[in-house]
Every structure is written in C-alpha cells, then in structure tokens.
Amino acid sequence: MILYRDLTLNTSPEQIHWLTNATAHTLSQTDPVFERGAIGATIVPVRFTTLPGPPELQRGQQLMLSFWAWGEGEREVMSNLDRTFRNMTVALRELSDKIRRSSRATAADD
C-alpha cells in the first residue's frame, strides 16, 4: 500500500490520481526492457479514522501495488521476482524523494 504521510492528502482524489500516474510513470522508466515481471496498481478506498471529523471527511484512498514474476523454472522465477522488487524499490524511492522535494519547496513558499 502506498499513501501520503499527511493523511489529508489521501482524501483528495486529485492527489491520489497524481500519485497513481507518477508511480506508473516512474516504474515504466526504471527498467523498460524487463519483461519477466509486472507491477499492477489498484486504487483502494479506505477510512482514515485518525483524521478529525465525521466519517465522510475521513474517506480516502490508497494505492495498492501487486507484483508478478515468471520464468523457466524456480531459479529464473526467483531471479525475476528479485529484479521486480529492485525495480519497485528504486522507483518508489525516486518518487518519495520527488514528493519530499516538492513538499519542502511548498513549505518554503509559505
């Protein structure tokens, strides 16, 4: 599950849309020649009970990533799964850094 640390951002459909597109774009750029693994994205509705207010103000979404790998035999499958995990790690760290830089720039503007 991928979500913003600031839970209120997860209640904004525009923010979740941006997160979904940015994640897909970053993943597609990470290892474009790799074809023996896949990462899928699903937007999942959630309720953030730690947010103040009535339930309708606590409704939001999270991005769920699912992954698959395949190959000819267990060794190749596991190698491709490892590559899938490495790609996901690289892409999510890059995306996290981008969000962190953006939030620092926004805070500096305030």
PDB file of N, CA and C in Angstrom:
ATOM      1  N   MET A   1       0.844  -1.167   0.000  1.00  0.00           N
ATOM      2  CA  MET A   1       0.000   0.000   0.000  1.00  0.00           C
ATOM      3  C   MET A   1       0.890   1.231   0.000  1.00  0.00           C
ATOM      4  N   ILE A   2       0.551   2.189  -0.837  1.00  0.00           N
ATOM      5  CA  ILE A   2       1.293   3.438  -0.950  1.00  0.00           C
ATOM      6  C   ILE A   2       0.331   4.564  -0.584  1.00  0.00           C
ATOM      7  N   LEU A   3       0.778   5.440   0.309  1.00  0.00           N
ATOM      8  CA  LEU A   3      -0.056   6.564   0.691  1.00  0.00           C
ATOM      9  C   LEU A   3       0.832   7.706   1.147  1.00  0.00           C
ATOM     10  N   TYR A   4       0.255   8.885   1.188  1.00  0.00           N
ATOM     11  CA  TYR A   4       0.966  10.055   1.687  1.00  0.00           C
ATOM     12  C   TYR A   4       1.024   9.998   3.210  1.00  0.00           C
ATOM     13  N   ARG A   5       2.127  10.464   3.781  1.00  0.00           N
ATOM     14  CA  ARG A   5       2.233  10.529   5.247  1.00  0.00           C
ATOM     15  C   ARG A   5       1.212  11.500   5.816  1.00  0.00           C
ATOM     16  N   ASP A   6       1.001  12.608   5.122  1.00  0.00           N
ATOM     17  CA  ASP A   6      -0.043  13.559   5.511  1.00  0.00           C
ATOM     18  C   ASP A   6      -1.369  12.953   5.066  1.00  0.00           C
ATOM     19  N   LEU A   7      -2.085  12.337   5.991  1.00  0.00           N
ATOM     20  CA  LEU A   7      -3.283  11.564   5.644  1.00  0.00           C
ATOM     21  C   LEU A   7      -4.341  12.384   4.924  1.00  0.00           C
ATOM     22  N   THR A   8      -4.399  13.685   5.169  1.00  0.00           N
ATOM     23  CA  THR A   8      -5.409  14.505   4.483  1.00  0.00           C
ATOM     24  C   THR A   8      -5.204  14.491   2.973  1.00  0.00           C
ATOM     25  N   LEU A   9      -3.963  14.333   2.512  1.00  0.00           N
ATOM     26  CA  LEU A   9      -3.711  14.265   1.064  1.00  0.00           C
ATOM     27  C   LEU A   9      -4.364  13.028   0.446  1.00  0.00           C
ATOM     28  N   ASN A  10      -4.506  11.975   1.237  1.00  0.00           N
ATOM     29  CA  ASN A  10      -5.114  10.738   0.746  1.00  0.00           C
ATOM     30  C   ASN A  10      -6.633  10.843   0.606  1.00  0.00           C
ATOM     31  N   THR A  11      -7.207  11.943   1.077  1.00  0.00           N
ATOM     32  CA  THR A  11      -8.647  12.164   0.919  1.00  0.00           C
ATOM     33  C   THR A  11      -8.945  12.992  -0.326  1.00  0.00           C
ATOM     34  N   SER A  12      -7.904  13.396  -1.041  1.00  0.00           N
ATOM     35  CA  SER A  12      -8.059  14.193  -2.261  1.00  0.00           C
ATOM     36  C   SER A  12      -7.934  13.305  -3.497  1.00  0.00           C
ATOM     37  N   PRO A  13      -9.020  13.144  -4.271  1.00  0.00           N
ATOM     38  CA  PRO A  13      -8.927  12.330  -5.485  1.00  0.00           C
ATOM     39  C   PRO A  13      -7.839  12.827  -6.441  1.00  0.00           C
ATOM     40  N   GLU A  14      -7.622  14.142  -6.491  1.00  0.00           N
ATOM     41  CA  GLU A  14      -6.590  14.690  -7.380  1.00  0.00           C
ATOM     42  C   GLU A  14      -5.199  14.226  -6.940  1.00  0.00           C
ATOM     43  N   GLN A  15      -4.959  14.204  -5.637  1.00  0.00           N
ATOM     44  CA  GLN A  15      -3.655  13.762  -5.130  1.00  0.00           C
ATOM     45  C   GLN A  15      -3.426  12.277  -5.402  1.00  0.00           C
ATOM     46  N   ILE A  16      -4.458  11.469  -5.209  1.00  0.00           N
ATOM     47  CA  ILE A  16      -4.329  10.027  -5.469  1.00  0.00           C
ATOM     48  C   ILE A  16      -4.135   9.783  -6.961  1.00  0.00           C
ATOM     49  N   HIS A  17      -4.827  10.539  -7.797  1.00  0.00           N
ATOM     50  CA  HIS A  17      -4.649  10.428  -9.245  1.00  0.00           C
ATOM     51  C   HIS A  17      -3.199  10.753  -9.617  1.00  0.00           C
ATOM     52  N   TRP A  18      -2.666  11.840  -9.044  1.00  0.00           N
ATOM     53  CA  TRP A  18      -1.277  12.207  -9.327  1.00  0.00           C
ATOM     54  C   TRP A  18      -0.336  11.096  -8.865  1.00  0.00           C
ATOM     55  N   LEU A  19      -0.543  10.578  -7.647  1.00  0.00           N
ATOM     56  CA  LEU A  19       0.311   9.526  -7.106  1.00  0.00           C
ATOM     57  C   LEU A  19       0.281   8.282  -7.995  1.00  0.00           C
ATOM     58  N   THR A  20      -0.890   7.916  -8.453  1.00  0.00           N
ATOM     59  CA  THR A  20      -1.033   6.738  -9.314  1.00  0.00           C
ATOM     60  C   THR A  20      -0.287   6.931 -10.626  1.00  0.00           C
ATOM     61  N   ASN A  21      -0.501   8.066 -11.275  1.00  0.00           N
ATOM     62  CA  ASN A  21       0.174   8.330 -12.549  1.00  0.00           C
ATOM     63  C   ASN A  21       1.680   8.460 -12.382  1.00  0.00           C
ATOM     64  N   ALA A  22       2.113   9.158 -11.325  1.00  0.00           N
ATOM     65  CA  ALA A  22       3.545   9.334 -11.092  1.00  0.00           C
ATOM     66  C   ALA A  22       4.214   7.987 -10.797  1.00  0.00           C
ATOM     67  N   THR A  23       3.535   7.136 -10.049  1.00  0.00           N
ATOM     68  CA  THR A  23       4.080   5.810  -9.746  1.00  0.00           C
ATOM     69  C   THR A  23       4.207   4.989 -11.025  1.00  0.00           C
ATOM     70  N   ALA A  24       3.166   4.973 -11.833  1.00  0.00           N
ATOM     71  CA  ALA A  24       3.203   4.212 -13.092  1.00  0.00           C
ATOM     72  C   ALA A  24       4.309   4.735 -14.011  1.00  0.00           C
ATOM     73  N   HIS A  25       4.427   6.047 -14.114  1.00  0.00           N
ATOM     74  CA  HIS A  25       5.453   6.632 -14.988  1.00  0.00           C
ATOM     75  C   HIS A  25       6.850   6.275 -14.484  1.00  0.00           C
ATOM     76  N   THR A  26       7.078   6.430 -13.187  1.00  0.00           N
ATOM     77  CA  THR A  26       8.398   6.142 -12.624  1.00  0.00           C
ATOM     78  C   THR A  26       8.744   4.668 -12.777  1.00  0.00           C
ATOM     79  N   LEU A  27       7.776   3.793 -12.529  1.00  0.00           N
ATOM     80  CA  LEU A  27       8.025   2.362 -12.716  1.00  0.00           C
ATOM     81  C   LEU A  27       8.352   2.030 -14.172  1.00  0.00           C
ATOM     82  N   SER A  28       7.655   2.650 -15.107  1.00  0.00           N
ATOM     83  CA  SER A  28       7.883   2.346 -16.523  1.00  0.00           C
ATOM     84  C   SER A  28       9.256   2.814 -17.000  1.00  0.00           C
ATOM     85  N   GLN A  29       9.818   3.820 -16.339  1.00  0.00           N
ATOM     86  CA  GLN A  29      11.130   4.343 -16.709  1.00  0.00           C
ATOM     87  C   GLN A  29      12.284   3.605 -16.017  1.00  0.00           C
ATOM     88  N   THR A  30      11.990   2.845 -14.988  1.00  0.00           N
ATOM     89  CA  THR A  30      13.033   2.238 -14.159  1.00  0.00           C
ATOM     90  C   THR A  30      13.801   1.136 -14.881  1.00  0.00           C
ATOM     91  N   ASP A  31      13.130   0.233 -15.551  1.00  0.00           N
ATOM     92  CA  ASP A  31      13.778  -0.904 -16.226  1.00  0.00           C
ATOM     93  C   ASP A  31      12.926  -1.274 -17.438  1.00  0.00           C
ATOM     94  N   PRO A  32      12.899  -0.404 -18.449  1.00  0.00           N
ATOM     95  CA  PRO A  32      11.939  -0.569 -19.547  1.00  0.00           C
ATOM     96  C   PRO A  32      12.120  -1.844 -20.383  1.00  0.00           C
ATOM     97  N   VAL A  33      13.284  -2.482 -20.343  1.00  0.00           N
ATOM     98  CA  VAL A  33      13.480  -3.686 -21.158  1.00  0.00           C
ATOM     99  C   VAL A  33      13.063  -4.964 -20.440  1.00  0.00           C
ATOM    100  N   PHE A  34      12.794  -4.876 -19.155  1.00  0.00           N
ATOM    101  CA  PHE A  34      12.443  -6.064 -18.363  1.00  0.00           C
ATOM    102  C   PHE A  34      11.022  -6.502 -18.688  1.00  0.00           C
ATOM    103  N   GLU A  35      10.884  -7.788 -19.082  1.00  0.00           N
ATOM    104  CA  GLU A  35       9.576  -8.310 -19.488  1.00  0.00           C
ATOM    105  C   GLU A  35       9.133  -9.530 -18.685  1.00  0.00           C
ATOM    106  N   ARG A  36       9.913  -9.945 -17.715  1.00  0.00           N
ATOM    107  CA  ARG A  36       9.581 -11.176 -16.983  1.00  0.00           C
ATOM    108  C   ARG A  36       9.049 -10.900 -15.589  1.00  0.00           C
ATOM    109  N   GLY A  37       8.555  -9.669 -15.393  1.00  0.00           N
ATOM    110  CA  GLY A  37       7.930  -9.289 -14.145  1.00  0.00           C
ATOM    111  C   GLY A  37       6.955  -8.165 -14.431  1.00  0.00           C
ATOM    112  N   ALA A  38       5.973  -8.012 -13.580  1.00  0.00           N
ATOM    113  CA  ALA A  38       4.970  -6.958 -13.785  1.00  0.00           C
ATOM    114  C   ALA A  38       4.536  -6.409 -12.432  1.00  0.00           C
ATOM    115  N   ILE A  39       4.159  -5.137 -12.452  1.00  0.00           N
ATOM    116  CA  ILE A  39       3.635  -4.480 -11.256  1.00  0.00           C
ATOM    117  C   ILE A  39       2.313  -3.833 -11.644  1.00  0.00           C
ATOM    118  N   GLY A  40       1.279  -4.163 -10.914  1.00  0.00           N
ATOM    119  CA  GLY A  40      -0.047  -3.610 -11.173  1.00  0.00           C
ATOM    120  C   GLY A  40      -0.437  -2.645 -10.067  1.00  0.00           C
ATOM    121  N   ALA A  41      -1.314  -1.719 -10.384  1.00  0.00           N
ATOM    122  CA  ALA A  41      -1.766  -0.715  -9.416  1.00  0.00           C
ATOM    123  C   ALA A  41      -3.283  -0.756  -9.302  1.00  0.00           C
ATOM    124  N   THR A  42      -3.761  -0.670  -8.068  1.00  0.00           N
ATOM    125  CA  THR A  42      -5.191  -0.623  -7.786  1.00  0.00           C
ATOM    126  C   THR A  42      -5.440   0.463  -6.749  1.00  0.00           C
ATOM    127  N   ILE A  43      -6.425   1.291  -6.975  1.00  0.00           N
ATOM    128  CA  ILE A  43      -6.813   2.303  -6.000  1.00  0.00           C
ATOM    129  C   ILE A  43      -7.846   1.677  -5.067  1.00  0.00           C
ATOM    130  N   VAL A  44      -7.551   1.723  -3.760  1.00  0.00           N
ATOM    131  CA  VAL A  44      -8.379   1.063  -2.763  1.00  0.00           C
ATOM    132  C   VAL A  44      -9.013   2.116  -1.843  1.00  0.00           C
ATOM    133  N   PRO A  45     -10.333   2.065  -1.653  1.00  0.00           N
ATOM    134  CA  PRO A  45     -10.961   3.012  -0.721  1.00  0.00           C
ATOM    135  C   PRO A  45     -10.634   2.642   0.723  1.00  0.00           C
ATOM    136  N   VAL A  46     -10.402   3.657   1.536  1.00  0.00           N
ATOM    137  CA  VAL A  46     -10.102   3.445   2.952  1.00  0.00           C
ATOM    138  C   VAL A  46     -10.761   4.544   3.777  1.00  0.00           C
ATOM    139  N   ARG A  47     -10.793   4.317   5.073  1.00  0.00           N
ATOM    140  CA  ARG A  47     -11.264   5.344   6.010  1.00  0.00           C
ATOM    141  C   ARG A  47     -10.142   5.607   6.999  1.00  0.00           C
ATOM    142  N   PHE A  48      -9.730   6.857   7.096  1.00  0.00           N
ATOM    143  CA  PHE A  48      -8.657   7.260   7.994  1.00  0.00           C
ATOM    144  C   PHE A  48      -9.278   7.731   9.300  1.00  0.00           C
ATOM    145  N   THR A  49      -9.456   6.799  10.228  1.00  0.00           N
ATOM    146  CA  THR A  49     -10.164   7.103  11.472  1.00  0.00           C
ATOM    147  C   THR A  49      -9.395   8.063  12.371  1.00  0.00           C
ATOM    148  N   THR A  50      -8.120   8.255  12.135  1.00  0.00           N
ATOM    149  CA  THR A  50      -7.349   9.203  12.946  1.00  0.00           C
ATOM    150  C   THR A  50      -7.543  10.645  12.493  1.00  0.00           C
ATOM    151  N   LEU A  51      -8.161  10.848  11.331  1.00  0.00           N
ATOM    152  CA  LEU A  51      -8.464  12.212  10.899  1.00  0.00           C
ATOM    153  C   LEU A  51      -9.681  12.724  11.668  1.00  0.00           C
ATOM    154  N   PRO A  52      -9.692  14.014  11.977  1.00  0.00           N
ATOM    155  CA  PRO A  52     -10.828  14.558  12.721  1.00  0.00           C
ATOM    156  C   PRO A  52     -12.076  14.656  11.842  1.00  0.00           C
ATOM    157  N   GLY A  53     -13.202  14.743  12.499  1.00  0.00           N
ATOM    158  CA  GLY A  53     -14.449  14.972  11.778  1.00  0.00           C
ATOM    159  C   GLY A  53     -15.275  13.721  11.597  1.00  0.00           C
ATOM    160  N   PRO A  54     -16.409  13.890  10.923  1.00  0.00           N
ATOM    161  CA  PRO A  54     -17.314  12.760  10.682  1.00  0.00           C
ATOM    162  C   PRO A  54     -16.723  11.800   9.643  1.00  0.00           C
ATOM    163  N   PRO A  55     -17.288  10.600   9.548  1.00  0.00           N
ATOM    164  CA  PRO A  55     -16.759   9.584   8.632  1.00  0.00           C
ATOM    165  C   PRO A  55     -16.603  10.056   7.188  1.00  0.00           C
ATOM    166  N   GLU A  56     -17.510  10.890   6.705  1.00  0.00           N
ATOM    167  CA  GLU A  56     -17.398  11.311   5.294  1.00  0.00           C
ATOM    168  C   GLU A  56     -16.138  12.146   5.040  1.00  0.00           C
ATOM    169  N   LEU A  57     -15.602  12.799   6.080  1.00  0.00           N
ATOM    170  CA  LEU A  57     -14.354  13.558   5.938  1.00  0.00           C
ATOM    171  C   LEU A  57     -13.118  12.679   6.128  1.00  0.00           C
ATOM    172  N   GLN A  58     -13.336  11.444   6.538  1.00  0.00           N
ATOM    173  CA  GLN A  58     -12.239  10.504   6.756  1.00  0.00           C
ATOM    174  C   GLN A  58     -12.062   9.541   5.580  1.00  0.00           C
ATOM    175  N   ARG A  59     -12.936   9.639   4.600  1.00  0.00           N
ATOM    176  CA  ARG A  59     -12.861   8.733   3.445  1.00  0.00           C
ATOM    177  C   ARG A  59     -11.731   9.162   2.522  1.00  0.00           C
ATOM    178  N   GLY A  60     -10.962   8.169   2.116  1.00  0.00           N
ATOM    179  CA  GLY A  60      -9.861   8.448   1.213  1.00  0.00           C
ATOM    180  C   GLY A  60      -9.513   7.214   0.411  1.00  0.00           C
ATOM    181  N   GLN A  61      -8.297   7.214  -0.108  1.00  0.00           N
ATOM    182  CA  GLN A  61      -7.849   6.108  -0.945  1.00  0.00           C
ATOM    183  C   GLN A  61      -6.368   5.845  -0.688  1.00  0.00           C
ATOM    184  N   GLN A  62      -5.949   4.631  -1.007  1.00  0.00           N
ATOM    185  CA  GLN A  62      -4.549   4.224  -1.006  1.00  0.00           C
ATOM    186  C   GLN A  62      -4.264   3.551  -2.334  1.00  0.00           C
ATOM    187  N   LEU A  63      -3.012   3.559  -2.705  1.00  0.00           N
ATOM    188  CA  LEU A  63      -2.585   2.891  -3.927  1.00  0.00           C
ATOM    189  C   LEU A  63      -1.983   1.537  -3.547  1.00  0.00           C
ATOM    190  N   MET A  64      -2.567   0.478  -4.056  1.00  0.00           N
ATOM    191  CA  MET A  64      -2.063  -0.867  -3.779  1.00  0.00           C
ATOM    192  C   MET A  64      -1.265  -1.338  -4.986  1.00  0.00           C
ATOM    193  N   LEU A  65      -0.030  -1.777  -4.732  1.00  0.00           N
ATOM    194  CA  LEU A  65       0.792  -2.353  -5.799  1.00  0.00           C
ATOM    195  C   LEU A  65       0.804  -3.867  -5.648  1.00  0.00           C
ATOM    196  N   SER A  66       0.572  -4.551  -6.744  1.00  0.00           N
ATOM    197  CA  SER A  66       0.649  -6.008  -6.800  1.00  0.00           C
ATOM    198  C   SER A  66       1.765  -6.363  -7.775  1.00  0.00           C
ATOM    199  N   PHE A  67       2.368  -7.514  -7.605  1.00  0.00           N
ATOM    200  CA  PHE A  67       3.515  -7.852  -8.446  1.00  0.00           C
ATOM    201  C   PHE A  67       3.486  -9.325  -8.839  1.00  0.00           C
ATOM    202  N   TRP A  68       4.073  -9.597  -9.992  1.00  0.00           N
ATOM    203  CA  TRP A  68       4.166 -10.936 -10.531  1.00  0.00           C
ATOM    204  C   TRP A  68       5.533 -11.097 -11.183  1.00  0.00           C
ATOM    205  N   ALA A  69       6.000 -12.329 -11.229  1.00  0.00           N
ATOM    206  CA  ALA A  69       7.224 -12.656 -11.958  1.00  0.00           C
ATOM    207  C   ALA A  69       7.085 -14.073 -12.486  1.00  0.00           C
ATOM    208  N   TRP A  70       7.756 -14.347 -13.579  1.00  0.00           N
ATOM    209  CA  TRP A  70       7.688 -15.677 -14.167  1.00  0.00           C
ATOM    210  C   TRP A  70       9.007 -15.990 -14.854  1.00  0.00           C
ATOM    211  N   GLY A  71       9.166 -17.253 -15.209  1.00  0.00           N
ATOM    212  CA  GLY A  71      10.377 -17.703 -15.882  1.00  0.00           C
ATOM    213  C   GLY A  71      10.328 -19.203 -16.076  1.00  0.00           C
ATOM    214  N   GLU A  72      11.414 -19.722 -16.607  1.00  0.00           N
ATOM    215  CA  GLU A  72      11.547 -21.158 -16.861  1.00  0.00           C
ATOM    216  C   GLU A  72      12.217 -21.795 -15.655  1.00  0.00           C
ATOM    217  N   GLY A  73      11.450 -22.224 -14.710  1.00  0.00           N
ATOM    218  CA  GLY A  73      11.983 -22.874 -13.523  1.00  0.00           C
ATOM    219  C   GLY A  73      12.073 -21.926 -12.336  1.00  0.00           C
ATOM    220  N   GLU A  74      12.187 -22.527 -11.161  1.00  0.00           N
ATOM    221  CA  GLU A  74      12.158 -21.763  -9.915  1.00  0.00           C
ATOM    222  C   GLU A  74      13.281 -20.727  -9.838  1.00  0.00           C
ATOM    223  N   ARG A  75      14.488 -21.105 -10.216  1.00  0.00           N
ATOM    224  CA  ARG A  75      15.625 -20.184 -10.119  1.00  0.00           C
ATOM    225  C   ARG A  75      15.380 -18.919 -10.949  1.00  0.00           C
ATOM    226  N   GLU A  76      14.912 -19.080 -12.170  1.00  0.00           N
ATOM    227  CA  GLU A  76      14.661 -17.920 -13.032  1.00  0.00           C
ATOM    228  C   GLU A  76      13.494 -17.086 -12.502  1.00  0.00           C
ATOM    229  N   VAL A  77      12.450 -17.735 -12.033  1.00  0.00           N
ATOM    230  CA  VAL A  77      11.317 -17.007 -11.462  1.00  0.00           C
ATOM    231  C   VAL A  77      11.775 -16.167 -10.276  1.00  0.00           C
ATOM    232  N   MET A  78      12.556 -16.772  -9.373  1.00  0.00           N
ATOM    233  CA  MET A  78      13.015 -16.047  -8.199  1.00  0.00           C
ATOM    234  C   MET A  78      13.959 -14.902  -8.573  1.00  0.00           C
ATOM    235  N   SER A  79      14.781 -15.101  -9.571  1.00  0.00           N
ATOM    236  CA  SER A  79      15.659 -14.027 -10.056  1.00  0.00           C
ATOM    237  C   SER A  79      14.835 -12.876 -10.632  1.00  0.00           C
ATOM    238  N   ASN A  80      13.808 -13.214 -11.377  1.00  0.00           N
ATOM    239  CA  ASN A  80      12.940 -12.182 -11.950  1.00  0.00           C
ATOM    240  C   ASN A  80      12.101 -11.490 -10.878  1.00  0.00           C
ATOM    241  N   LEU A  81      11.706 -12.236  -9.848  1.00  0.00           N
ATOM    242  CA  LEU A  81      10.986 -11.623  -8.738  1.00  0.00           C
ATOM    243  C   LEU A  81      11.906 -10.640  -8.005  1.00  0.00           C
ATOM    244  N   ASP A  82      13.159 -11.028  -7.808  1.00  0.00           N
ATOM    245  CA  ASP A  82      14.127 -10.139  -7.180  1.00  0.00           C
ATOM    246  C   ASP A  82      14.308  -8.862  -8.008  1.00  0.00           C
ATOM    247  N   ARG A  83      14.391  -9.003  -9.311  1.00  0.00           N
ATOM    248  CA  ARG A  83      14.521  -7.829 -10.190  1.00  0.00           C
ATOM    249  C   ARG A  83      13.270  -6.957 -10.119  1.00  0.00           C
ATOM    250  N   THR A  84      12.111  -7.582 -10.029  1.00  0.00           N
ATOM    251  CA  THR A  84      10.856  -6.837  -9.886  1.00  0.00           C
ATOM    252  C   THR A  84      10.870  -6.036  -8.588  1.00  0.00           C
ATOM    253  N   PHE A  85      11.299  -6.652  -7.499  1.00  0.00           N
ATOM    254  CA  PHE A  85      11.389  -5.953  -6.205  1.00  0.00           C
ATOM    255  C   PHE A  85      12.406  -4.814  -6.255  1.00  0.00           C
ATOM    256  N   ARG A  86      13.560  -5.059  -6.878  1.00  0.00           N
ATOM    257  CA  ARG A  86      14.561  -3.989  -7.002  1.00  0.00           C
ATOM    258  C   ARG A  86      13.998  -2.819  -7.789  1.00  0.00           C
ATOM    259  N   ASN A  87      13.318  -3.106  -8.894  1.00  0.00           N
ATOM    260  CA  ASN A  87      12.725  -2.043  -9.705  1.00  0.00           C
ATOM    261  C   ASN A  87      11.690  -1.255  -8.913  1.00  0.00           C
ATOM    262  N   MET A  88      10.870  -1.963  -8.154  1.00  0.00           N
ATOM    263  CA  MET A  88       9.846  -1.299  -7.354  1.00  0.00           C
ATOM    264  C   MET A  88      10.514  -0.424  -6.282  1.00  0.00           C
ATOM    265  N   THR A  89      11.552  -0.928  -5.653  1.00  0.00           N
ATOM    266  CA  THR A  89      12.264  -0.165  -4.631  1.00  0.00           C
ATOM    267  C   THR A  89      12.888   1.099  -5.216  1.00  0.00           C
ATOM    268  N   VAL A  90      13.564   0.976  -6.329  1.00  0.00           N
ATOM    269  CA  VAL A  90      14.193   2.132  -6.978  1.00  0.00           C
ATOM    270  C   VAL A  90      13.141   3.165  -7.351  1.00  0.00           C
ATOM    271  N   ALA A  91      12.067   2.726  -7.967  1.00  0.00           N
ATOM    272  CA  ALA A  91      11.025   3.652  -8.422  1.00  0.00           C
ATOM    273  C   ALA A  91      10.356   4.352  -7.240  1.00  0.00           C
ATOM    274  N   LEU A  92      10.027   3.613  -6.194  1.00  0.00           N
ATOM    275  CA  LEU A  92       9.343   4.221  -5.046  1.00  0.00           C
ATOM    276  C   LEU A  92      10.251   5.163  -4.272  1.00  0.00           C
ATOM    277  N   ARG A  93      11.531   4.851  -4.183  1.00  0.00           N
ATOM    278  CA  ARG A  93      12.469   5.788  -3.539  1.00  0.00           C
ATOM    279  C   ARG A  93      12.576   7.069  -4.353  1.00  0.00           C
ATOM    280  N   GLU A  94      12.653   6.931  -5.657  1.00  0.00           N
ATOM    281  CA  GLU A  94      12.713   8.114  -6.516  1.00  0.00           C
ATOM    282  C   GLU A  94      11.454   8.959  -6.358  1.00  0.00           C
ATOM    283  N   LEU A  95      10.316   8.324  -6.353  1.00  0.00           N
ATOM    284  CA  LEU A  95       9.050   9.032  -6.188  1.00  0.00           C
ATOM    285  C   LEU A  95       8.956   9.689  -4.806  1.00  0.00           C
ATOM    286  N   SER A  96       9.391   8.984  -3.779  1.00  0.00           N
ATOM    287  CA  SER A  96       9.390   9.544  -2.430  1.00  0.00           C
ATOM    288  C   SER A  96      10.277  10.789  -2.358  1.00  0.00           C
ATOM    289  N   ASP A  97      11.447  10.716  -2.971  1.00  0.00           N
ATOM    290  CA  ASP A  97      12.343  11.878  -2.992  1.00  0.00           C
ATOM    291  C   ASP A  97      11.697  13.053  -3.712  1.00  0.00           C
ATOM    292  N   LYS A  98      11.012  12.771  -4.804  1.00  0.00           N
ATOM    293  CA  LYS A  98      10.337  13.836  -5.556  1.00  0.00           C
ATOM    294  C   LYS A  98       9.248  14.492  -4.703  1.00  0.00           C
ATOM    295  N   ILE A  99       8.480  13.695  -3.994  1.00  0.00           N
ATOM    296  CA  ILE A  99       7.417  14.230  -3.130  1.00  0.00           C
ATOM    297  C   ILE A  99       8.039  15.043  -1.998  1.00  0.00           C
ATOM    298  N   ARG A 100       9.110  14.533  -1.408  1.00  0.00           N
ATOM    299  CA  ARG A 100       9.775  15.232  -0.315  1.00  0.00           C
ATOM    300  C   ARG A 100      10.317  16.587  -0.786  1.00  0.00           C
ATOM    301  N   ARG A 101      10.969  16.609  -1.954  1.00  0.00           N
ATOM    302  CA  ARG A 101      11.480  17.870  -2.504  1.00  0.00           C
ATOM    303  C   ARG A 101      10.338  18.846  -2.771  1.00  0.00           C
ATOM    304  N   SER A 102       9.244  18.336  -3.308  1.00  0.00           N
ATOM    305  CA  SER A 102       8.082  19.179  -3.615  1.00  0.00           C
ATOM    306  C   SER A 102       7.482  19.761  -2.346  1.00  0.00           C
ATOM    307  N   SER A 103       7.378  18.963  -1.292  1.00  0.00           N
ATOM    308  CA  SER A 103       6.774  19.465  -0.056  1.00  0.00           C
ATOM    309  C   SER A 103       7.692  20.469   0.626  1.00  0.00           C
ATOM    310  N   ARG A 104       9.008  20.306   0.506  1.00  0.00           N
ATOM    311  CA  ARG A 104       9.938  21.289   1.057  1.00  0.00           C
ATOM    312  C   ARG A 104       9.816  22.607   0.298  1.00  0.00           C
ATOM    313  N   ALA A 105       9.684  22.522  -1.025  1.00  0.00           N
ATOM    314  CA  ALA A 105       9.530  23.738  -1.833  1.00  0.00           C
ATOM    315  C   ALA A 105       8.232  24.456  -1.483  1.00  0.00           C
ATOM    316  N   THR A 106       7.166  23.691  -1.273  1.00  0.00           N
ATOM    317  CA  THR A 106       5.881  24.275  -0.902  1.00  0.00           C
ATOM    318  C   THR A 106       5.971  24.917   0.473  1.00  0.00           C
ATOM    319  N   ALA A 107       6.633  24.259   1.411  1.00  0.00           N
ATOM    320  CA  ALA A 107       6.790  24.811   2.762  1.00  0.00           C
ATOM    321  C   ALA A 107       7.622  26.092   2.731  1.00  0.00           C
ATOM    322  N   ALA A 108       8.607  26.148   1.866  1.00  0.00           N
ATOM    323  CA  ALA A 108       9.444  27.340   1.767  1.00  0.00           C
ATOM    324  C   ALA A 108       8.658  28.519   1.188  1.00  0.00           C
ATOM    325  N   ASP A 109       7.648  28.218   0.355  1.00  0.00           N
ATOM    326  CA  ASP A 109       6.821  29.276  -0.233  1.00  0.00           C
ATOM    327  C   ASP A 109       5.859  29.872   0.766  1.00  0.00           C
ATOM    328  N   ASP A 110       5.529  29.112   1.832  1.00  0.00           N
ATOM    329  CA  ASP A 110       4.538  29.571   2.824  1.00  0.00           C
ATOM    330  C   ASP A 110       5.065  30.679   3.696  1.00  0.00           C
TER     331      ASP A 110
END
